[in-house]
Amino acid sequence: MKIAITELRQKILNTLSANFTMEEANIIADYLLWADMSGNKTQGLIKMTGTEPLQSIKPQHEIKVERDTKLSQLINAGANPAPLVSGVATDVVIQKAKEHGFGLVGVHNYFSSNGAQAYYAERIAKEDLIGIVLCSQPASVAPFNTIDPLFGTNPVGFSFPTQNDPLVFDMATSVMTWYGLVLAKARGEQIPENMAIDNDGNLTTDPAQAMGGALLPFDRGYKGSGIGMAIEIMAGPLVNAAYADLEGEWGALFIAIDPDLLIDAEKFKSSCTDLIRKIKSARKKPETGEVRLPGERAQAARKEAEQSGYVVLDEAILKELGYN
């Protein structure tokens, strides 16, 4: 269903106004609109649905800075919504990297997923910085050869400035996102095979059984499990967040690097642009159409939405929010 972006923003702001200031609501709305305009249906307005919707969050306290150096900061989010706190953390890490060449910001005690890491990473790259964003989450993924959920879906995002749009790569270390299960359940759909197991370790295509069991690593093997473990540590113990915990708090780590620490920044951007050119001009398999790089489809969808002024949203989500 198509809905005008301006109308949708106002509806989101009205919904969020019960518990958040207008400035806070706009930070959250910026992220939600970005996700749905990018076609990322498991990371946008769906976060305002379910049993713990964003708009119903009542923070424990204001965002607090627990540690601060010229290069780093540790933030206690006070159980504020992740998109809000992550937006603040992104601003801080950009400022530190701009001033000192490198920035490192950890966040703990925030509520719910911060969504697509690409959003925050892309913002960093738009400042001519390299961005890395890691997020640990309550346990939902079984480590390789186990059946108990210990790791989160633990997404990671990388971004690089170029002479054009940033090059952004974002992935969950699980075979699918948790909100992919939420969306499938809301639609009454099955999930693909070999994605999840039930509580007894049997493969299942039922999203409800998967929620009671565990998702698999993205490659169903030890490498994907190992990457998930590394993020569990970097965005868990390192930022004073929970780890290997079903009910634990969420954690995130934001890193920004000025290429000028090692090489002229413009030369780096030129090299990244040339790398993209080489990938796109590489020989293709006969059945392959246009070579697309990570993030390109989302960038194209977002630009199309901006030009038309409309975004396409899932009717089930709109109905649940009362927006249809």
C-alpha atoms as a PDB file:
ATOM      1  CA  MET A   1       0.000   0.000   0.000  1.00  0.00           C
ATOM      2  CA  LYS A   2       1.341   3.437  -0.942  1.00  0.00           C
ATOM      3  CA  ILE A   3       1.326   6.238   1.584  1.00  0.00           C
ATOM      4  CA  ALA A   4       2.723   9.771   1.324  1.00  0.00           C
ATOM      5  CA  ILE A   5       6.020  10.128   3.188  1.00  0.00           C
ATOM      6  CA  THR A   6       4.986  13.433   4.766  1.00  0.00           C
ATOM      7  CA  GLU A   7       1.724  11.906   5.975  1.00  0.00           C
ATOM      8  CA  LEU A   8       3.487   8.846   7.337  1.00  0.00           C
ATOM      9  CA  ARG A   9       6.082  10.963   9.191  1.00  0.00           C
ATOM     10  CA  GLN A  10       3.324  12.934  10.885  1.00  0.00           C
ATOM     11  CA  LYS A  11       1.505   9.755  11.886  1.00  0.00           C
ATOM     12  CA  ILE A  12       4.726   8.343  13.349  1.00  0.00           C
ATOM     13  CA  LEU A  13       5.445  11.565  15.259  1.00  0.00           C
ATOM     14  CA  ASN A  14       1.908  11.637  16.643  1.00  0.00           C
ATOM     15  CA  THR A  15       2.254   8.032  17.814  1.00  0.00           C
ATOM     16  CA  LEU A  16       5.647   8.641  19.435  1.00  0.00           C
ATOM     17  CA  SER A  17       4.635  11.896  21.127  1.00  0.00           C
ATOM     18  CA  ALA A  18       3.164  10.091  24.149  1.00  0.00           C
ATOM     19  CA  ASN A  19       6.578   9.145  25.563  1.00  0.00           C
ATOM     20  CA  PHE A  20       9.136  11.213  23.638  1.00  0.00           C
ATOM     21  CA  THR A  21      10.004  14.817  22.891  1.00  0.00           C
ATOM     22  CA  MET A  22       9.568  16.049  19.337  1.00  0.00           C
ATOM     23  CA  GLU A  23      13.361  16.033  18.847  1.00  0.00           C
ATOM     24  CA  GLU A  24      13.579  12.431  20.034  1.00  0.00           C
ATOM     25  CA  ALA A  25      10.569  11.415  17.958  1.00  0.00           C
ATOM     26  CA  ASN A  26      12.137  12.890  14.817  1.00  0.00           C
ATOM     27  CA  ILE A  27      15.385  10.957  15.385  1.00  0.00           C
ATOM     28  CA  ILE A  28      13.384   7.724  15.642  1.00  0.00           C
ATOM     29  CA  ALA A  29      11.159   8.648  12.679  1.00  0.00           C
ATOM     30  CA  ASP A  30      14.221   9.428  10.519  1.00  0.00           C
ATOM     31  CA  TYR A  31      15.421   5.870  10.998  1.00  0.00           C
ATOM     32  CA  LEU A  32      12.036   4.184  10.507  1.00  0.00           C
ATOM     33  CA  LEU A  33      11.338   6.095   7.287  1.00  0.00           C
ATOM     34  CA  TRP A  34      14.852   5.401   5.971  1.00  0.00           C
ATOM     35  CA  ALA A  35      14.340   1.649   6.501  1.00  0.00           C
ATOM     36  CA  ASP A  36      10.952   1.411   4.800  1.00  0.00           C
ATOM     37  CA  MET A  37      11.962   3.758   1.976  1.00  0.00           C
ATOM     38  CA  SER A  38      14.956   1.457   1.440  1.00  0.00           C
ATOM     39  CA  GLY A  39      12.660  -1.540   1.112  1.00  0.00           C
ATOM     40  CA  ASN A  40      13.894  -3.063   4.384  1.00  0.00           C
ATOM     41  CA  LYS A  41      10.529  -4.306   5.603  1.00  0.00           C
ATOM     42  CA  THR A  42      11.881  -6.236   8.589  1.00  0.00           C
ATOM     43  CA  GLN A  43      13.630  -3.192  10.102  1.00  0.00           C
ATOM     44  CA  GLY A  44      11.202  -0.283   9.656  1.00  0.00           C
ATOM     45  CA  LEU A  45       7.690   0.377  10.963  1.00  0.00           C
ATOM     46  CA  ILE A  46       7.372  -3.243  12.014  1.00  0.00           C
ATOM     47  CA  LYS A  47       9.317  -2.157  15.110  1.00  0.00           C
ATOM     48  CA  MET A  48       6.212  -0.221  16.166  1.00  0.00           C
ATOM     49  CA  THR A  49       4.180  -3.451  16.269  1.00  0.00           C
ATOM     50  CA  GLY A  50       4.220  -6.601  18.378  1.00  0.00           C
ATOM     51  CA  THR A  51       4.285  -7.019  22.144  1.00  0.00           C
ATOM     52  CA  GLU A  52       6.931  -4.324  22.812  1.00  0.00           C
ATOM     53  CA  PRO A  53       6.415  -1.564  20.228  1.00  0.00           C
ATOM     54  CA  LEU A  54       8.802   1.395  20.151  1.00  0.00           C
ATOM     55  CA  GLN A  55       6.108   3.940  20.951  1.00  0.00           C
ATOM     56  CA  SER A  56       5.224   2.189  24.228  1.00  0.00           C
ATOM     57  CA  ILE A  57       8.760   2.232  25.609  1.00  0.00           C
ATOM     58  CA  LYS A  58       9.075   4.077  28.897  1.00  0.00           C
ATOM     59  CA  PRO A  59      12.767   4.786  29.534  1.00  0.00           C
ATOM     60  CA  GLN A  60      14.279   4.151  32.964  1.00  0.00           C
ATOM     61  CA  HIS A  61      16.271   7.369  32.870  1.00  0.00           C
ATOM     62  CA  GLU A  62      17.871   9.851  30.474  1.00  0.00           C
ATOM     63  CA  ILE A  63      20.811   8.829  28.318  1.00  0.00           C
ATOM     64  CA  LYS A  64      23.967   8.977  30.460  1.00  0.00           C
ATOM     65  CA  VAL A  65      27.647   9.099  29.533  1.00  0.00           C
ATOM     66  CA  GLU A  66      29.536   6.706  31.826  1.00  0.00           C
ATOM     67  CA  ARG A  67      33.008   7.090  30.339  1.00  0.00           C
ATOM     68  CA  ASP A  68      34.444   9.654  27.992  1.00  0.00           C
ATOM     69  CA  THR A  69      37.879  10.175  26.414  1.00  0.00           C
ATOM     70  CA  LYS A  70      38.964  12.104  23.360  1.00  0.00           C
ATOM     71  CA  LEU A  71      38.624   8.900  21.302  1.00  0.00           C
ATOM     72  CA  SER A  72      35.845   6.997  23.040  1.00  0.00           C
ATOM     73  CA  GLN A  73      32.612   7.139  24.964  1.00  0.00           C
ATOM     74  CA  LEU A  74      30.488   4.587  26.829  1.00  0.00           C
ATOM     75  CA  ILE A  75      26.771   5.378  26.942  1.00  0.00           C
ATOM     76  CA  ASN A  76      24.157   4.007  29.334  1.00  0.00           C
ATOM     77  CA  ALA A  77      20.997   4.258  27.269  1.00  0.00           C
ATOM     78  CA  GLY A  78      18.586   4.137  30.203  1.00  0.00           C
ATOM     79  CA  ALA A  79      16.339   1.674  28.323  1.00  0.00           C
ATOM     80  CA  ASN A  80      15.591   4.291  25.665  1.00  0.00           C
ATOM     81  CA  PRO A  81      14.693   3.039  22.163  1.00  0.00           C
ATOM     82  CA  ALA A  82      17.698   1.811  20.223  1.00  0.00           C
ATOM     83  CA  PRO A  83      17.127   4.007  17.117  1.00  0.00           C
ATOM     84  CA  LEU A  84      17.169   7.087  19.370  1.00  0.00           C
ATOM     85  CA  VAL A  85      20.326   6.172  21.302  1.00  0.00           C
ATOM     86  CA  SER A  86      22.084   4.846  18.202  1.00  0.00           C
ATOM     87  CA  GLY A  87      21.414   8.126  16.439  1.00  0.00           C
ATOM     88  CA  VAL A  88      23.044   9.955  19.348  1.00  0.00           C
ATOM     89  CA  ALA A  89      26.000   7.521  19.388  1.00  0.00           C
ATOM     90  CA  THR A  90      26.515   8.020  15.659  1.00  0.00           C
ATOM     91  CA  ASP A  91      26.736  11.786  16.142  1.00  0.00           C
ATOM     92  CA  VAL A  92      29.320  11.324  18.909  1.00  0.00           C
ATOM     93  CA  VAL A  93      31.510   8.853  17.014  1.00  0.00           C
ATOM     94  CA  ILE A  94      31.545  11.108  13.946  1.00  0.00           C
ATOM     95  CA  GLN A  95      32.569  14.103  16.053  1.00  0.00           C
ATOM     96  CA  LYS A  96      35.420  12.225  17.737  1.00  0.00           C
ATOM     97  CA  ALA A  97      36.740  10.846  14.440  1.00  0.00           C
ATOM     98  CA  LYS A  98      36.531  14.273  12.826  1.00  0.00           C
ATOM     99  CA  GLU A  99      38.538  15.792  15.677  1.00  0.00           C
ATOM    100  CA  HIS A 100      41.044  13.010  16.363  1.00  0.00           C
ATOM    101  CA  GLY A 101      40.967  10.635  13.378  1.00  0.00           C
ATOM    102  CA  PHE A 102      39.297   7.787  15.240  1.00  0.00           C
ATOM    103  CA  GLY A 103      36.142   7.324  17.293  1.00  0.00           C
ATOM    104  CA  LEU A 104      34.808   4.435  19.377  1.00  0.00           C
ATOM    105  CA  VAL A 105      31.413   4.592  21.088  1.00  0.00           C
ATOM    106  CA  GLY A 106      29.804   1.768  23.048  1.00  0.00           C
ATOM    107  CA  VAL A 107      26.160   1.655  24.091  1.00  0.00           C
ATOM    108  CA  HIS A 108      24.453  -0.617  26.618  1.00  0.00           C
ATOM    109  CA  ASN A 109      21.107  -0.784  28.388  1.00  0.00           C
ATOM    110  CA  TYR A 110      19.004   0.231  25.427  1.00  0.00           C
ATOM    111  CA  PHE A 111      15.641  -1.211  24.489  1.00  0.00           C
ATOM    112  CA  SER A 112      15.033  -3.212  21.321  1.00  0.00           C
ATOM    113  CA  SER A 113      17.064  -3.575  18.137  1.00  0.00           C
ATOM    114  CA  ASN A 114      18.727  -0.513  16.609  1.00  0.00           C
ATOM    115  CA  GLY A 115      17.572  -1.900  13.250  1.00  0.00           C
ATOM    116  CA  ALA A 116      19.662  -1.829  10.089  1.00  0.00           C
ATOM    117  CA  GLN A 117      23.308  -1.122  10.870  1.00  0.00           C
ATOM    118  CA  ALA A 118      23.565   0.333   7.351  1.00  0.00           C
ATOM    119  CA  TYR A 119      21.661   3.444   8.443  1.00  0.00           C
ATOM    120  CA  TYR A 120      24.246   4.453  11.031  1.00  0.00           C
ATOM    121  CA  ALA A 121      27.206   3.237   8.987  1.00  0.00           C
ATOM    122  CA  GLU A 122      26.017   5.214   5.960  1.00  0.00           C
ATOM    123  CA  ARG A 123      25.744   8.371   8.042  1.00  0.00           C
ATOM    124  CA  ILE A 124      29.385   7.885   9.100  1.00  0.00           C
ATOM    125  CA  ALA A 125      30.573   7.365   5.507  1.00  0.00           C
ATOM    126  CA  LYS A 126      28.748  10.506   4.363  1.00  0.00           C
ATOM    127  CA  GLU A 127      31.199  12.386   6.601  1.00  0.00           C
ATOM    128  CA  ASP A 128      34.136  10.894   4.600  1.00  0.00           C
ATOM    129  CA  LEU A 129      34.857   8.376   7.357  1.00  0.00           C
ATOM    130  CA  ILE A 130      34.978   4.579   7.378  1.00  0.00           C
ATOM    131  CA  GLY A 131      32.161   3.223   9.532  1.00  0.00           C
ATOM    132  CA  ILE A 132      31.784  -0.072  11.397  1.00  0.00           C
ATOM    133  CA  VAL A 133      28.686  -0.771  13.476  1.00  0.00           C
ATOM    134  CA  LEU A 134      28.182  -3.952  15.538  1.00  0.00           C
ATOM    135  CA  CYS A 135      25.144  -4.969  17.561  1.00  0.00           C
ATOM    136  CA  SER A 136      24.591  -7.786  20.049  1.00  0.00           C
ATOM    137  CA  GLN A 137      21.064  -8.862  20.878  1.00  0.00           C
ATOM    138  CA  PRO A 138      19.176 -11.214  23.204  1.00  0.00           C
ATOM    139  CA  ALA A 139      19.901 -14.832  22.380  1.00  0.00           C
ATOM    140  CA  SER A 140      18.037 -16.210  19.371  1.00  0.00           C
ATOM    141  CA  VAL A 141      20.735 -18.079  17.394  1.00  0.00           C
ATOM    142  CA  ALA A 142      22.139 -21.501  18.257  1.00  0.00           C
ATOM    143  CA  PRO A 143      25.940 -21.761  17.932  1.00  0.00           C
ATOM    144  CA  PHE A 144      27.163 -24.357  15.432  1.00  0.00           C
ATOM    145  CA  ASN A 145      26.241 -27.932  16.419  1.00  0.00           C
ATOM    146  CA  THR A 146      24.092 -26.811  19.383  1.00  0.00           C
ATOM    147  CA  ILE A 147      20.342 -26.336  19.784  1.00  0.00           C
ATOM    148  CA  ASP A 148      20.156 -23.716  22.557  1.00  0.00           C
ATOM    149  CA  PRO A 149      19.990 -20.025  21.536  1.00  0.00           C
ATOM    150  CA  LEU A 150      23.066 -18.226  22.904  1.00  0.00           C
ATOM    151  CA  PHE A 151      23.967 -15.551  20.346  1.00  0.00           C
ATOM    152  CA  GLY A 152      21.800 -12.767  19.002  1.00  0.00           C
ATOM    153  CA  THR A 153      21.237 -12.237  15.296  1.00  0.00           C
ATOM    154  CA  ASN A 154      24.231  -9.909  15.817  1.00  0.00           C
ATOM    155  CA  PRO A 155      24.293  -7.729  12.693  1.00  0.00           C
ATOM    156  CA  VAL A 156      27.322  -5.817  11.428  1.00  0.00           C
ATOM    157  CA  GLY A 157      27.563  -2.914   9.021  1.00  0.00           C
ATOM    158  CA  PHE A 158      30.567  -1.550   7.102  1.00  0.00           C
ATOM    159  CA  SER A 159      30.617   1.697   5.138  1.00  0.00           C
ATOM    160  CA  PHE A 160      33.198   3.399   2.955  1.00  0.00           C
ATOM    161  CA  PRO A 161      33.154   6.881   1.428  1.00  0.00           C
ATOM    162  CA  THR A 162      33.497   7.119  -2.341  1.00  0.00           C
ATOM    163  CA  GLN A 163      33.297   9.908  -4.880  1.00  0.00           C
ATOM    164  CA  ASN A 164      29.597   9.079  -5.203  1.00  0.00           C
ATOM    165  CA  ASP A 165      27.225   7.373  -2.774  1.00  0.00           C
ATOM    166  CA  PRO A 166      28.857   5.518   0.136  1.00  0.00           C
ATOM    167  CA  LEU A 167      29.548   1.821  -0.307  1.00  0.00           C
ATOM    168  CA  VAL A 168      27.642   0.067   2.476  1.00  0.00           C
ATOM    169  CA  PHE A 169      27.477  -3.590   3.476  1.00  0.00           C
ATOM    170  CA  ASP A 170      25.106  -4.702   6.218  1.00  0.00           C
ATOM    171  CA  MET A 171      24.276  -8.245   7.299  1.00  0.00           C
ATOM    172  CA  ALA A 172      22.920 -10.256  10.179  1.00  0.00           C
ATOM    173  CA  THR A 173      25.131 -13.134  11.251  1.00  0.00           C
ATOM    174  CA  SER A 174      21.990 -15.275  11.493  1.00  0.00           C
ATOM    175  CA  VAL A 175      20.382 -16.819   8.413  1.00  0.00           C
ATOM    176  CA  MET A 176      17.471 -14.373   8.795  1.00  0.00           C
ATOM    177  CA  THR A 177      16.544 -11.554  11.146  1.00  0.00           C
ATOM    178  CA  TRP A 178      14.346 -11.925  14.208  1.00  0.00           C
ATOM    179  CA  TYR A 179      11.910  -9.428  12.712  1.00  0.00           C
ATOM    180  CA  GLY A 180      11.775 -11.647   9.644  1.00  0.00           C
ATOM    181  CA  LEU A 181      10.145 -14.207  11.956  1.00  0.00           C
ATOM    182  CA  VAL A 182       7.861 -11.529  13.374  1.00  0.00           C
ATOM    183  CA  LEU A 183       6.770 -10.462   9.891  1.00  0.00           C
ATOM    184  CA  ALA A 184       6.201 -14.056   8.724  1.00  0.00           C
ATOM    185  CA  LYS A 185       4.086 -14.759  11.800  1.00  0.00           C
ATOM    186  CA  ALA A 186       2.074 -11.539  11.284  1.00  0.00           C
ATOM    187  CA  ARG A 187       1.371 -12.549   7.678  1.00  0.00           C
ATOM    188  CA  GLY A 188       0.542 -16.132   8.593  1.00  0.00           C
ATOM    189  CA  GLU A 189       3.384 -17.361   6.383  1.00  0.00           C
ATOM    190  CA  GLN A 190       5.954 -20.127   6.705  1.00  0.00           C
ATOM    191  CA  ILE A 191       9.669 -19.356   6.629  1.00  0.00           C
ATOM    192  CA  PRO A 192      12.020 -21.075   4.137  1.00  0.00           C
ATOM    193  CA  GLU A 193      13.503 -24.438   5.005  1.00  0.00           C
ATOM    194  CA  ASN A 194      16.817 -24.823   6.847  1.00  0.00           C
ATOM    195  CA  MET A 195      16.495 -21.452   8.588  1.00  0.00           C
ATOM    196  CA  ALA A 196      15.514 -22.393  12.113  1.00  0.00           C
ATOM    197  CA  ILE A 197      15.008 -25.190  14.625  1.00  0.00           C
ATOM    198  CA  ASP A 198      12.315 -25.770  17.228  1.00  0.00           C
ATOM    199  CA  ASN A 199      12.935 -26.209  20.947  1.00  0.00           C
ATOM    200  CA  ASP A 200      13.959 -29.836  20.422  1.00  0.00           C
ATOM    201  CA  GLY A 201      16.471 -29.025  17.693  1.00  0.00           C
ATOM    202  CA  ASN A 202      14.326 -30.151  14.757  1.00  0.00           C
ATOM    203  CA  LEU A 203      14.270 -28.024  11.605  1.00  0.00           C
ATOM    204  CA  THR A 204      11.037 -26.039  11.294  1.00  0.00           C
ATOM    205  CA  THR A 205       9.331 -23.676   8.845  1.00  0.00           C
ATOM    206  CA  ASP A 206       6.857 -22.438  11.468  1.00  0.00           C
ATOM    207  CA  PRO A 207       7.912 -18.946  12.655  1.00  0.00           C
ATOM    208  CA  ALA A 208       6.217 -19.460  16.033  1.00  0.00           C
ATOM    209  CA  GLN A 209       8.169 -22.673  16.648  1.00  0.00           C
ATOM    210  CA  ALA A 210      11.345 -20.931  15.500  1.00  0.00           C
ATOM    211  CA  MET A 211      10.739 -18.187  18.063  1.00  0.00           C
ATOM    212  CA  GLY A 212      10.568 -20.875  20.728  1.00  0.00           C
ATOM    213  CA  GLY A 213      13.654 -22.584  19.344  1.00  0.00           C
ATOM    214  CA  ALA A 214      16.534 -20.900  17.546  1.00  0.00           C
ATOM    215  CA  LEU A 215      17.695 -19.437  14.271  1.00  0.00           C
ATOM    216  CA  LEU A 216      20.773 -20.826  12.484  1.00  0.00           C
ATOM    217  CA  PRO A 217      24.010 -18.968  11.612  1.00  0.00           C
ATOM    218  CA  PHE A 218      23.935 -17.352   8.158  1.00  0.00           C
ATOM    219  CA  ASP A 219      26.043 -20.132   6.573  1.00  0.00           C
ATOM    220  CA  ARG A 220      24.589 -22.871   8.816  1.00  0.00           C
ATOM    221  CA  GLY A 221      28.205 -23.574   9.765  1.00  0.00           C
ATOM    222  CA  TYR A 222      31.069 -22.778  12.092  1.00  0.00           C
ATOM    223  CA  LYS A 223      32.297 -19.695  10.203  1.00  0.00           C
ATOM    224  CA  GLY A 224      29.009 -17.845  10.522  1.00  0.00           C
ATOM    225  CA  SER A 225      28.776 -18.969  14.127  1.00  0.00           C
ATOM    226  CA  GLY A 226      32.316 -17.687  14.765  1.00  0.00           C
ATOM    227  CA  ILE A 227      31.546 -14.249  13.339  1.00  0.00           C
ATOM    228  CA  GLY A 228      28.395 -14.097  15.455  1.00  0.00           C
ATOM    229  CA  MET A 229      30.500 -14.974  18.512  1.00  0.00           C
ATOM    230  CA  ALA A 230      33.026 -12.219  17.774  1.00  0.00           C
ATOM    231  CA  ILE A 231      30.235  -9.630  17.543  1.00  0.00           C
ATOM    232  CA  GLU A 232      28.689 -11.050  20.734  1.00  0.00           C
ATOM    233  CA  ILE A 233      31.953 -10.143  22.485  1.00  0.00           C
ATOM    234  CA  MET A 234      32.616  -6.782  20.819  1.00  0.00           C
ATOM    235  CA  ALA A 235      29.076  -5.511  21.380  1.00  0.00           C
ATOM    236  CA  GLY A 236      28.545  -7.395  24.653  1.00  0.00           C
ATOM    237  CA  PRO A 237      31.306  -7.547  27.279  1.00  0.00           C
ATOM    238  CA  LEU A 238      33.298  -4.723  25.666  1.00  0.00           C
ATOM    239  CA  VAL A 239      30.401  -2.245  26.085  1.00  0.00           C
ATOM    240  CA  ASN A 240      29.200  -3.636  29.450  1.00  0.00           C
ATOM    241  CA  ALA A 241      26.158  -5.281  27.847  1.00  0.00           C
ATOM    242  CA  ALA A 242      24.775  -8.779  28.371  1.00  0.00           C
ATOM    243  CA  TYR A 243      26.022 -11.806  26.434  1.00  0.00           C
ATOM    244  CA  ALA A 244      24.653 -15.294  25.705  1.00  0.00           C
ATOM    245  CA  ASP A 245      21.468 -14.262  27.478  1.00  0.00           C
ATOM    246  CA  LEU A 246      17.824 -14.723  26.424  1.00  0.00           C
ATOM    247  CA  GLU A 247      16.621 -11.773  28.489  1.00  0.00           C
ATOM    248  CA  GLY A 248      19.764  -9.668  28.394  1.00  0.00           C
ATOM    249  CA  GLU A 249      20.095  -6.030  27.451  1.00  0.00           C
ATOM    250  CA  TRP A 250      21.185  -5.037  23.979  1.00  0.00           C
ATOM    251  CA  GLY A 251      24.622  -3.644  23.184  1.00  0.00           C
ATOM    252  CA  ALA A 252      26.197  -1.827  20.252  1.00  0.00           C
ATOM    253  CA  LEU A 253      29.606  -0.594  19.179  1.00  0.00           C
ATOM    254  CA  PHE A 254      30.142   2.283  16.751  1.00  0.00           C
ATOM    255  CA  ILE A 255      33.526   2.833  15.110  1.00  0.00           C
ATOM    256  CA  ALA A 256      34.559   5.682  12.819  1.00  0.00           C
ATOM    257  CA  ILE A 257      37.967   5.926  11.131  1.00  0.00           C
ATOM    258  CA  ASP A 258      39.371   8.832   9.174  1.00  0.00           C
ATOM    259  CA  PRO A 259      41.243   7.350   6.168  1.00  0.00           C
ATOM    260  CA  ASP A 260      43.612  10.298   6.438  1.00  0.00           C
ATOM    261  CA  LEU A 261      45.301   8.512   9.338  1.00  0.00           C
ATOM    262  CA  LEU A 262      46.960   6.284   6.735  1.00  0.00           C
ATOM    263  CA  ILE A 263      46.404   7.783   3.291  1.00  0.00           C
ATOM    264  CA  ASP A 264      45.085  10.958   1.697  1.00  0.00           C
ATOM    265  CA  ALA A 265      41.309  10.786   2.165  1.00  0.00           C
ATOM    266  CA  GLU A 266      40.547  11.856  -1.406  1.00  0.00           C
ATOM    267  CA  LYS A 267      42.879   9.186  -2.755  1.00  0.00           C
ATOM    268  CA  PHE A 268      41.081   6.610  -0.628  1.00  0.00           C
ATOM    269  CA  LYS A 269      37.702   7.713  -1.969  1.00  0.00           C
ATOM    270  CA  SER A 270      39.066   7.598  -5.521  1.00  0.00           C
ATOM    271  CA  SER A 271      40.370   4.063  -4.959  1.00  0.00           C
ATOM    272  CA  CYS A 272      37.027   2.895  -3.544  1.00  0.00           C
ATOM    273  CA  THR A 273      35.264   4.400  -6.548  1.00  0.00           C
ATOM    274  CA  ASP A 274      37.691   2.626  -8.878  1.00  0.00           C
ATOM    275  CA  LEU A 275      37.137  -0.656  -7.026  1.00  0.00           C
ATOM    276  CA  ILE A 276      33.393  -0.328  -7.647  1.00  0.00           C
ATOM    277  CA  ARG A 277      34.058   0.352 -11.333  1.00  0.00           C
ATOM    278  CA  LYS A 278      36.222  -2.759 -11.611  1.00  0.00           C
ATOM    279  CA  ILE A 279      33.606  -4.951  -9.928  1.00  0.00           C
ATOM    280  CA  LYS A 280      30.847  -3.667 -12.191  1.00  0.00           C
ATOM    281  CA  SER A 281      32.944  -4.094 -15.332  1.00  0.00           C
ATOM    282  CA  ALA A 282      34.034  -7.638 -14.436  1.00  0.00           C
ATOM    283  CA  ARG A 283      32.978 -10.480 -16.728  1.00  0.00           C
ATOM    284  CA  LYS A 284      29.562 -11.805 -15.791  1.00  0.00           C
ATOM    285  CA  LYS A 285      27.964 -15.218 -15.896  1.00  0.00           C
ATOM    286  CA  PRO A 286      25.679 -15.611 -18.954  1.00  0.00           C
ATOM    287  CA  GLU A 287      22.484 -15.507 -16.889  1.00  0.00           C
ATOM    288  CA  THR A 288      23.581 -12.494 -14.858  1.00  0.00           C
ATOM    289  CA  GLY A 289      22.077  -9.082 -15.521  1.00  0.00           C
ATOM    290  CA  GLU A 290      23.425  -5.925 -13.932  1.00  0.00           C
ATOM    291  CA  VAL A 291      26.070  -6.426 -11.254  1.00  0.00           C
ATOM    292  CA  ARG A 292      24.734  -4.910  -8.060  1.00  0.00           C
ATOM    293  CA  LEU A 293      26.868  -4.033  -5.071  1.00  0.00           C
ATOM    294  CA  PRO A 294      25.696  -4.280  -1.449  1.00  0.00           C
ATOM    295  CA  GLY A 295      23.308  -1.449  -0.604  1.00  0.00           C
ATOM    296  CA  GLU A 296      22.657  -0.380  -4.201  1.00  0.00           C
ATOM    297  CA  ARG A 297      19.139  -1.752  -4.375  1.00  0.00           C
ATOM    298  CA  ALA A 298      18.242  -0.027  -1.113  1.00  0.00           C
ATOM    299  CA  GLN A 299      19.776   3.270  -2.256  1.00  0.00           C
ATOM    300  CA  ALA A 300      17.824   3.095  -5.513  1.00  0.00           C
ATOM    301  CA  ALA A 301      14.566   2.347  -3.666  1.00  0.00           C
ATOM    302  CA  ARG A 302      15.171   5.249  -1.305  1.00  0.00           C
ATOM    303  CA  LYS A 303      15.852   7.698  -4.124  1.00  0.00           C
ATOM    304  CA  GLU A 304      12.727   6.547  -5.956  1.00  0.00           C
ATOM    305  CA  ALA A 305      10.654   7.072  -2.801  1.00  0.00           C
ATOM    306  CA  GLU A 306      12.150  10.527  -2.281  1.00  0.00           C
ATOM    307  CA  GLN A 307      11.380  11.528  -5.858  1.00  0.00           C
ATOM    308  CA  SER A 308       7.811  10.195  -5.805  1.00  0.00           C
ATOM    309  CA  GLY A 309       7.053  11.320  -2.264  1.00  0.00           C
ATOM    310  CA  TYR A 310       5.517   7.929  -1.495  1.00  0.00           C
ATOM    311  CA  VAL A 311       6.609   4.742   0.245  1.00  0.00           C
ATOM    312  CA  VAL A 312       5.111   1.258  -0.120  1.00  0.00           C
ATOM    313  CA  LEU A 313       4.293  -0.419   3.195  1.00  0.00           C
ATOM    314  CA  ASP A 314       2.950  -3.794   4.204  1.00  0.00           C
ATOM    315  CA  GLU A 315      -0.822  -3.589   4.728  1.00  0.00           C
ATOM    316  CA  ALA A 316      -0.660  -5.907   7.758  1.00  0.00           C
ATOM    317  CA  ILE A 317       1.712  -3.494   9.507  1.00  0.00           C
ATOM    318  CA  LEU A 318      -0.373  -0.433   8.596  1.00  0.00           C
ATOM    319  CA  LYS A 319      -3.504  -2.158   9.846  1.00  0.00           C
ATOM    320  CA  GLU A 320      -1.918  -3.038  13.183  1.00  0.00           C
ATOM    321  CA  LEU A 321      -0.810   0.580  13.630  1.00  0.00           C
ATOM    322  CA  GLY A 322      -4.187   1.939  12.547  1.00  0.00           C
ATOM    323  CA  TYR A 323      -2.565   3.839   9.671  1.00  0.00           C
ATOM    324  CA  ASN A 324      -4.585   2.366   6.784  1.00  0.00           C
END
